[in-house]
Amino acid sequence: MKNSLMVQLGAKPTLQHFRKIVMNLPTRERAGFMKEAFGLAFSEWRSLDVVYQKFLVALIKSERQQFVEFVRKETILGEFLYDLKNEDLFVRILNLLERPSKKHKTSYSRLAFSVLFAFNVDWEIKGLSDKIRYAKADRDDLFELFEGIKID
């Protein structure tokens, strides 16, 4: 896997060159090529040159949704997703916790990207980032959250 991909990408891979290769592939082979690149990031990360590591980071950032789907469906990590009891409440609490301030800038896309690696929710990055951005927690949400906590 590593060698065939690296032969095609050369010593200094770029997103532009990668996309050019992918666009020239038949539709069926495109998905396989992407999986191969994502798999390289998982299986060979420590042995890759810095140039390849930077390329893979850039590729994953530009194809976040596809990468999330790869990790969740094509790797064992998909077996360890946590099932949420109340997805809507979780989103409202995330908004409350991660609300931007003068000292803290929030990237809702990055937050959604991270959430999708941990929780078994059926959302895409764009949709989840919008849900988090516009969700509003109120007193009832906080009451619901703390309702089950017993203090001895």
Protein backbone atom coordinates (compact mmCIF):
# COMPACT_ATOMS: atom_id res chain seq x y z
CA MET A 1 0.00 0.00 0.00
CA LYS A 2 2.62 2.51 1.10
CA ASN A 3 4.92 1.97 -1.86
CA SER A 4 2.26 2.10 -4.60
CA LEU A 5 0.80 5.32 -3.22
CA MET A 6 4.20 6.92 -2.70
CA VAL A 7 5.31 6.00 -6.21
CA GLN A 8 2.33 7.84 -7.64
CA LEU A 9 2.68 10.85 -5.35
CA GLY A 10 6.45 11.20 -5.52
CA ALA A 11 8.86 12.56 -2.90
CA LYS A 12 6.95 15.81 -2.36
CA PRO A 13 3.22 15.10 -2.39
CA THR A 14 0.76 17.97 -2.67
CA LEU A 15 -3.01 18.14 -2.51
CA GLN A 16 -3.10 19.52 -6.03
CA HIS A 17 -1.11 16.56 -7.40
CA PHE A 18 -3.17 14.10 -5.36
CA ARG A 19 -6.42 15.55 -6.71
CA LYS A 20 -5.09 15.40 -10.26
CA ILE A 21 -4.33 11.70 -9.83
CA VAL A 22 -7.71 11.00 -8.23
CA MET A 23 -9.64 12.86 -10.94
CA ASN A 24 -8.04 10.69 -13.62
CA LEU A 25 -9.10 7.46 -11.92
CA PRO A 26 -12.30 5.60 -12.70
CA THR A 27 -15.01 6.25 -10.11
CA ARG A 28 -14.57 2.89 -8.37
CA GLU A 29 -10.82 3.37 -7.99
CA ARG A 30 -11.16 6.89 -6.53
CA ALA A 31 -12.65 5.62 -3.28
CA GLY A 32 -9.96 2.96 -3.04
CA PHE A 33 -7.22 5.51 -3.57
CA MET A 34 -8.63 7.71 -0.81
CA LYS A 35 -8.88 4.72 1.54
CA GLU A 36 -5.28 3.86 0.70
CA ALA A 37 -4.14 7.38 1.61
CA PHE A 38 -6.14 7.39 4.85
CA GLY A 39 -4.88 3.90 5.66
CA LEU A 40 -1.32 5.10 5.14
CA ALA A 41 -1.88 7.76 7.78
CA PHE A 42 -3.06 5.09 10.22
CA SER A 43 -0.61 2.30 9.54
CA GLU A 44 2.63 4.07 8.67
CA TRP A 45 2.43 7.42 10.46
CA ARG A 46 5.62 7.17 12.51
CA SER A 47 7.69 5.91 9.61
CA LEU A 48 6.60 8.64 7.19
CA ASP A 49 8.76 11.63 6.29
CA VAL A 50 7.58 14.98 7.62
CA VAL A 51 6.61 15.95 4.05
CA TYR A 52 4.21 13.00 3.86
CA GLN A 53 2.87 13.65 7.35
CA LYS A 54 2.10 17.27 6.42
CA PHE A 55 0.49 16.14 3.18
CA LEU A 56 -1.74 13.64 4.98
CA VAL A 57 -2.78 16.22 7.57
CA ALA A 58 -3.69 18.62 4.75
CA LEU A 59 -5.57 15.86 2.89
CA ILE A 60 -7.56 14.86 5.97
CA LYS A 61 -8.39 18.49 6.77
CA SER A 62 -9.66 19.01 3.24
CA GLU A 63 -11.64 15.74 3.22
CA ARG A 64 -12.81 15.64 6.84
CA GLN A 65 -16.19 14.04 6.19
CA GLN A 66 -14.70 11.30 4.04
CA PHE A 67 -12.03 10.64 6.67
CA VAL A 68 -14.61 10.41 9.46
CA GLU A 69 -16.57 7.88 7.41
CA PHE A 70 -13.38 5.92 6.74
CA VAL A 71 -12.44 5.76 10.43
CA ARG A 72 -15.96 4.86 11.55
CA LYS A 73 -16.64 2.24 8.85
CA GLU A 74 -13.25 0.89 7.80
CA THR A 75 -11.29 0.70 11.06
CA ILE A 76 -11.78 -0.92 14.43
CA LEU A 77 -12.26 2.52 15.98
CA GLY A 78 -15.81 2.48 14.64
CA GLU A 79 -16.56 -0.30 17.12
CA PHE A 80 -15.82 1.95 20.10
CA LEU A 81 -18.23 4.81 19.48
CA TYR A 82 -20.24 5.84 22.51
CA ASP A 83 -24.04 5.84 22.30
CA LEU A 84 -25.53 9.06 23.61
CA LYS A 85 -28.72 8.97 25.67
CA ASN A 86 -29.88 12.42 24.63
CA GLU A 87 -28.20 13.78 21.50
CA ASP A 88 -30.04 17.12 21.51
CA LEU A 89 -29.19 17.88 25.13
CA PHE A 90 -25.56 16.91 24.44
CA VAL A 91 -25.42 19.40 21.55
CA ARG A 92 -26.93 22.21 23.64
CA ILE A 93 -24.45 21.58 26.46
CA LEU A 94 -21.57 21.55 23.94
CA ASN A 95 -22.72 24.95 22.72
CA LEU A 96 -22.82 26.22 26.28
CA LEU A 97 -19.34 24.89 27.08
CA GLU A 98 -17.65 25.93 23.86
CA ARG A 99 -19.27 29.30 23.29
CA PRO A 100 -16.68 31.72 21.87
CA SER A 101 -15.32 34.53 24.01
CA LYS A 102 -12.60 37.16 23.70
CA LYS A 103 -10.02 34.63 24.91
CA HIS A 104 -11.45 31.54 23.23
CA LYS A 105 -12.24 31.12 19.56
CA THR A 106 -14.39 28.13 18.70
CA SER A 107 -14.12 26.17 15.47
CA TYR A 108 -17.43 24.36 15.34
CA SER A 109 -16.22 22.29 12.38
CA ARG A 110 -13.22 21.03 14.34
CA LEU A 111 -15.43 20.35 17.35
CA ALA A 112 -17.94 18.40 15.22
CA PHE A 113 -15.06 16.50 13.60
CA SER A 114 -13.82 15.45 17.04
CA VAL A 115 -17.28 14.54 18.33
CA LEU A 116 -17.85 12.19 15.40
CA PHE A 117 -14.81 10.13 16.39
CA ALA A 118 -16.16 9.51 19.86
CA PHE A 119 -19.94 9.34 19.67
CA ASN A 120 -22.28 7.13 17.70
CA VAL A 121 -24.41 9.86 16.15
CA ASP A 122 -25.69 9.93 12.61
CA TRP A 123 -24.65 13.44 11.60
CA GLU A 124 -22.28 14.91 9.06
CA ILE A 125 -19.65 17.45 10.11
CA LYS A 126 -21.39 20.43 8.51
CA GLY A 127 -24.77 19.61 10.00
CA LEU A 128 -23.39 18.90 13.45
CA SER A 129 -21.25 22.05 13.48
CA ASP A 130 -24.34 24.11 12.65
CA LYS A 131 -26.36 22.32 15.33
CA ILE A 132 -23.69 23.09 17.94
CA ARG A 133 -23.30 26.71 16.79
CA TYR A 134 -27.01 27.52 16.98
CA ALA A 135 -28.08 25.32 19.91
CA LYS A 136 -29.16 27.20 23.00
CA ALA A 137 -29.20 25.62 26.43
CA ASP A 138 -31.66 26.97 28.98
CA ARG A 139 -32.43 26.39 32.66
CA ASP A 140 -34.57 23.36 31.86
CA ASP A 141 -31.64 21.75 30.06
CA LEU A 142 -29.38 22.31 33.04
CA PHE A 143 -32.07 20.98 35.36
CA GLU A 144 -32.40 17.86 33.19
CA LEU A 145 -28.64 17.43 33.19
CA PHE A 146 -28.33 17.67 36.97
CA GLU A 147 -31.59 15.91 37.77
CA GLY A 148 -29.97 12.50 38.00
CA ILE A 149 -27.06 13.56 40.19
CA LYS A 150 -27.27 12.59 43.83
CA ILE A 151 -25.12 14.42 46.33
CA ASP A 152 -24.53 12.55 49.55
